């Protein structure tokens, strides 16, 4: 193990965001929790305040990383629903709260991976159902489902409205297909990590991946493209091979 690199890995990654963008993210997250809290304060049912915990985590994703795959509508909806199901199931079947909590989080992560709706706050939803077991003990599953669904719907509406009020933000993030055009007459250049850092800074949006990982992905893609080109060239030279 390279000790220097290991110690260096503890350093915070650079976040090339303007102060204005950081402030917008903070204000939007605070506004979302404020509106959500007041909405449930006057709800016609008893709302466990602890349930706001997973929504605070969701607000971090939705308003600080609105273009992240984990922040999109399907992960928000599916991730919280299947996690709630995992939490309720483990609460009903396992009497030891610590074991139930561990199983609920593990099952939630597995279900979210399987259904392609990985959403980190979903695991918190599963855990909160276990931690609120005393309050949910006399509650039927329909009311729990209603509370979780109301959480999701209101947070999604807030994300759709608040994010799209900010210039430069698009929520949900569009599916983009970047078409790369190669110029046969252009001089070959090598993209360095500093170029990736510059490009990230121009986006003024938090990219949920480190510059080092982006550079590694680019290098792997370049090697794969080179290999594909060489295989195609060999196939043309030896059509019967």
Protein backbone atom coordinates (compact mmCIF):
# COMPACT_ATOMS: atom_id res chain seq x y z
CA UNK A 1 0.00 0.00 0.00
CA UNK A 2 1.23 3.47 -0.93
CA UNK A 3 1.01 5.32 2.40
CA UNK A 4 1.29 8.77 0.82
CA UNK A 5 -1.57 8.13 -1.59
CA UNK A 6 -3.61 6.57 1.22
CA UNK A 7 -3.19 9.67 3.39
CA UNK A 8 -3.81 11.94 0.40
CA UNK A 9 -7.13 10.17 -0.24
CA UNK A 10 -8.50 11.75 2.95
CA UNK A 11 -8.20 15.22 1.45
CA UNK A 12 -11.53 16.74 0.34
CA UNK A 13 -12.19 16.69 -3.38
CA UNK A 14 -12.44 20.03 -5.09
CA UNK A 15 -15.95 21.33 -5.77
CA UNK A 16 -15.68 23.93 -8.55
CA UNK A 17 -18.93 25.70 -7.67
CA UNK A 18 -19.58 29.39 -7.34
CA UNK A 19 -20.66 30.80 -3.99
CA UNK A 20 -23.99 31.72 -5.57
CA UNK A 21 -24.66 28.10 -6.57
CA UNK A 22 -23.74 26.81 -3.12
CA UNK A 23 -26.04 29.40 -1.54
CA UNK A 24 -28.90 28.49 -3.87
CA UNK A 25 -28.56 24.81 -2.96
CA UNK A 26 -28.62 25.60 0.75
CA UNK A 27 -31.61 27.94 0.51
CA UNK A 28 -33.62 25.54 -1.65
CA UNK A 29 -32.97 22.63 0.71
CA UNK A 30 -33.99 24.74 3.72
CA UNK A 31 -37.13 25.98 1.96
CA UNK A 32 -38.13 22.45 1.01
CA UNK A 33 -37.86 21.15 4.58
CA UNK A 34 -39.66 24.22 5.93
CA UNK A 35 -42.58 23.78 3.52
CA UNK A 36 -42.69 20.02 4.06
CA UNK A 37 -42.63 20.43 7.83
CA UNK A 38 -45.49 22.92 7.87
CA UNK A 39 -47.51 20.79 5.47
CA UNK A 40 -47.34 17.82 7.83
CA UNK A 41 -47.82 19.99 10.92
CA UNK A 42 -51.39 20.60 9.82
CA UNK A 43 -51.97 17.15 8.31
CA UNK A 44 -55.11 15.26 9.42
CA UNK A 45 -52.97 12.45 10.84
CA UNK A 46 -50.10 12.16 13.32
CA UNK A 47 -46.86 12.58 11.43
CA UNK A 48 -43.68 11.19 13.07
CA UNK A 49 -41.17 14.11 13.00
CA UNK A 50 -38.38 11.55 12.66
CA UNK A 51 -39.63 10.88 9.12
CA UNK A 52 -38.26 14.28 8.14
CA UNK A 53 -34.79 12.77 8.57
CA UNK A 54 -34.87 10.87 5.31
CA UNK A 55 -36.41 13.88 3.56
CA UNK A 56 -33.54 16.07 4.79
CA UNK A 57 -31.14 13.60 3.19
CA UNK A 58 -33.28 13.64 0.04
CA UNK A 59 -33.19 17.45 0.02
CA UNK A 60 -29.40 17.34 -0.05
CA UNK A 61 -29.51 15.23 -3.20
CA UNK A 62 -32.41 17.02 -4.89
CA UNK A 63 -31.14 20.56 -4.37
CA UNK A 64 -27.35 20.20 -4.06
CA UNK A 65 -26.98 17.45 -6.70
CA UNK A 66 -30.11 17.85 -8.85
CA UNK A 67 -28.43 16.25 -11.88
CA UNK A 68 -27.17 13.19 -10.01
CA UNK A 69 -28.70 9.84 -11.08
CA UNK A 70 -29.71 9.24 -7.44
CA UNK A 71 -31.70 12.50 -7.41
CA UNK A 72 -34.01 11.72 -10.31
CA UNK A 73 -37.74 10.99 -9.88
CA UNK A 74 -37.58 7.20 -10.19
CA UNK A 75 -34.87 6.78 -7.52
CA UNK A 76 -36.75 9.22 -5.27
CA UNK A 77 -40.07 7.40 -5.70
CA UNK A 78 -38.96 3.80 -6.05
CA UNK A 79 -36.10 4.05 -3.59
CA UNK A 80 -38.27 5.34 -0.77
CA UNK A 81 -41.19 3.00 -1.49
CA UNK A 82 -39.17 -0.23 -1.58
CA UNK A 83 -37.14 0.90 1.42
CA UNK A 84 -40.31 1.57 3.37
CA UNK A 85 -41.51 -1.90 2.41
CA UNK A 86 -38.21 -3.37 3.60
CA UNK A 87 -38.42 -1.48 6.88
CA UNK A 88 -42.02 -2.47 7.55
CA UNK A 89 -41.37 -6.12 6.68
CA UNK A 90 -38.35 -6.36 8.99
CA UNK A 91 -40.25 -4.52 11.73
CA UNK A 92 -43.02 -7.14 11.54
CA UNK A 93 -40.79 -10.21 11.34
CA UNK A 94 -37.78 -9.38 13.53
CA UNK A 95 -38.26 -8.42 17.19
CA UNK A 96 -34.65 -7.42 17.95
CA UNK A 97 -34.54 -3.73 16.87
CA UNK A 98 -30.81 -3.75 16.09
CA UNK A 99 -31.05 -6.86 13.94
CA UNK A 100 -34.22 -5.53 12.33
CA UNK A 101 -32.47 -2.24 11.51
CA UNK A 102 -29.50 -4.02 9.93
CA UNK A 103 -31.72 -6.32 7.88
CA UNK A 104 -33.98 -3.44 6.80
CA UNK A 105 -31.06 -1.36 5.50
CA UNK A 106 -29.47 -4.34 3.75
CA UNK A 107 -32.75 -5.39 2.14
CA UNK A 108 -33.46 -1.81 1.09
CA UNK A 109 -30.08 -1.46 -0.62
CA UNK A 110 -30.55 -4.79 -2.40
CA UNK A 111 -34.03 -3.89 -3.63
CA UNK A 112 -32.95 -0.43 -4.78
CA UNK A 113 -30.02 -1.91 -6.71
CA UNK A 114 -32.25 -4.56 -8.26
CA UNK A 115 -34.94 -2.09 -9.32
CA UNK A 116 -32.40 0.52 -10.47
CA UNK A 117 -33.66 3.14 -8.03
CA UNK A 118 -30.65 3.58 -5.74
CA UNK A 119 -31.43 6.54 -3.49
CA UNK A 120 -29.31 6.93 -0.36
CA UNK A 121 -32.11 8.51 1.75
CA UNK A 122 -34.20 5.39 1.04
CA UNK A 123 -32.08 3.40 3.49
CA UNK A 124 -32.79 6.12 6.05
CA UNK A 125 -36.52 5.64 5.42
CA UNK A 126 -36.18 1.92 6.15
CA UNK A 127 -34.20 2.63 9.32
CA UNK A 128 -36.60 5.31 10.55
CA UNK A 129 -39.52 2.90 10.35
CA UNK A 130 -37.60 0.59 12.69
CA UNK A 131 -36.59 3.43 15.02
CA UNK A 132 -40.18 4.68 15.14
CA UNK A 133 -41.48 1.21 15.91
CA UNK A 134 -43.09 2.33 19.18
CA UNK A 135 -45.19 4.85 17.29
CA UNK A 136 -45.91 2.52 14.40
CA UNK A 137 -46.73 -0.44 16.65
CA UNK A 138 -50.41 0.43 16.76
CA UNK A 139 -50.46 1.75 13.21
CA UNK A 140 -51.69 -0.26 10.26
CA UNK A 141 -49.56 -0.53 7.16
CA UNK A 142 -51.99 1.59 5.12
CA UNK A 143 -51.24 4.67 7.22
CA UNK A 144 -47.49 4.04 7.05
CA UNK A 145 -47.75 3.74 3.26
CA UNK A 146 -49.79 6.95 3.16
CA UNK A 147 -47.20 8.86 5.21
CA UNK A 148 -44.29 7.64 3.07
CA UNK A 149 -46.18 8.34 -0.17
CA UNK A 150 -47.10 11.85 1.00
CA UNK A 151 -43.42 12.44 1.84
CA UNK A 152 -42.38 11.39 -1.65
CA UNK A 153 -45.08 13.29 -3.57
CA UNK A 154 -44.55 16.57 -1.72
CA UNK A 155 -40.76 16.39 -2.00
CA UNK A 156 -40.98 15.58 -5.71
CA UNK A 157 -43.31 18.53 -6.31
CA UNK A 158 -40.96 20.83 -4.42
CA UNK A 159 -37.99 19.57 -6.45
CA UNK A 160 -39.85 20.09 -9.71
CA UNK A 161 -40.91 23.63 -8.82
CA UNK A 162 -37.93 25.00 -6.90
CA UNK A 163 -35.16 23.56 -9.09
CA UNK A 164 -36.75 24.77 -12.31
CA UNK A 165 -37.01 28.30 -10.93
CA UNK A 166 -33.21 28.50 -10.97
CA UNK A 167 -31.58 29.40 -14.32
CA UNK A 168 -29.27 26.66 -15.55
CA UNK A 169 -31.02 23.87 -13.64
CA UNK A 170 -33.17 21.23 -15.26
CA UNK A 171 -35.11 18.81 -13.14
CA UNK A 172 -35.53 16.00 -13.97
CA UNK A 173 -32.14 15.85 -15.65
CA UNK A 174 -32.61 15.13 -19.37
CA UNK A 175 -31.20 11.94 -20.87
CA UNK A 176 -28.33 13.24 -22.91
CA UNK A 177 -26.51 11.40 -25.63
CA UNK A 178 -23.28 13.17 -26.38
CA UNK A 179 -22.20 12.52 -29.94
CA UNK A 180 -18.42 12.70 -30.21
CA UNK A 181 -17.10 13.82 -33.60
CA UNK A 182 -13.55 12.99 -34.59
CA UNK A 183 -11.73 15.22 -37.04
CA UNK A 184 -9.41 13.11 -39.18
CA UNK A 185 -7.24 16.14 -39.91
CA UNK A 186 -7.01 17.39 -36.33
CA UNK A 187 -3.78 17.08 -34.38
CA UNK A 188 -4.04 14.38 -31.72
CA UNK A 189 -4.10 15.81 -28.21
CA UNK A 190 -4.11 14.19 -24.82
CA UNK A 191 -6.73 15.26 -22.32
CA UNK A 192 -5.25 15.76 -18.87
CA UNK A 193 -6.92 15.86 -15.46
CA UNK A 194 -6.54 19.65 -15.40
CA UNK A 195 -8.66 19.82 -18.58
CA UNK A 196 -11.37 17.76 -16.86
CA UNK A 197 -11.22 20.05 -13.82
CA UNK A 198 -11.61 23.09 -16.08
CA UNK A 199 -14.59 21.57 -17.89
CA UNK A 200 -16.26 20.70 -14.56
CA UNK A 201 -15.78 24.26 -13.32
CA UNK A 202 -17.53 25.60 -16.42
CA UNK A 203 -20.67 23.57 -15.64
CA UNK A 204 -21.17 25.28 -12.23
CA UNK A 205 -23.02 22.19 -11.05
CA UNK A 206 -21.87 19.55 -8.59
CA UNK A 207 -20.78 16.45 -10.52
CA UNK A 208 -21.27 13.34 -8.41
CA UNK A 209 -17.91 11.84 -9.38
CA UNK A 210 -14.33 12.84 -8.62
CA UNK A 211 -12.00 14.30 -11.23
CA UNK A 212 -9.70 11.31 -10.69
CA UNK A 213 -12.49 8.87 -11.52
CA UNK A 214 -13.48 10.91 -14.56
CA UNK A 215 -9.88 10.82 -15.77
CA UNK A 216 -9.74 7.05 -15.18
CA UNK A 217 -13.01 6.54 -17.10
CA UNK A 218 -11.71 8.63 -19.97
CA UNK A 219 -8.46 6.63 -20.13
CA UNK A 220 -10.32 3.29 -20.10
CA UNK A 221 -12.66 4.54 -22.84
CA UNK A 222 -9.67 5.70 -24.90
CA UNK A 223 -7.99 2.30 -24.55
CA UNK A 224 -11.22 0.51 -25.49
CA UNK A 225 -11.71 2.74 -28.53
CA UNK A 226 -8.11 2.12 -29.61
CA UNK A 227 -8.58 -1.64 -29.24
CA UNK A 228 -11.85 -1.52 -31.20
CA UNK A 229 -10.16 0.47 -33.96
CA UNK A 230 -7.26 -1.98 -34.19
CA UNK A 231 -9.62 -4.97 -34.31
CA UNK A 232 -11.63 -3.35 -37.11
CA UNK A 233 -8.41 -2.59 -38.98
CA UNK A 234 -7.24 -6.21 -38.65
CA UNK A 235 -10.63 -7.44 -39.86
CA UNK A 236 -10.32 -5.32 -43.01
CA UNK A 237 -6.79 -6.56 -43.68
CA UNK A 238 -7.72 -10.20 -43.07
CA UNK A 239 -11.39 -10.58 -44.08
CA UNK A 240 -11.24 -14.40 -44.00
CA UNK A 241 -9.50 -14.66 -40.64
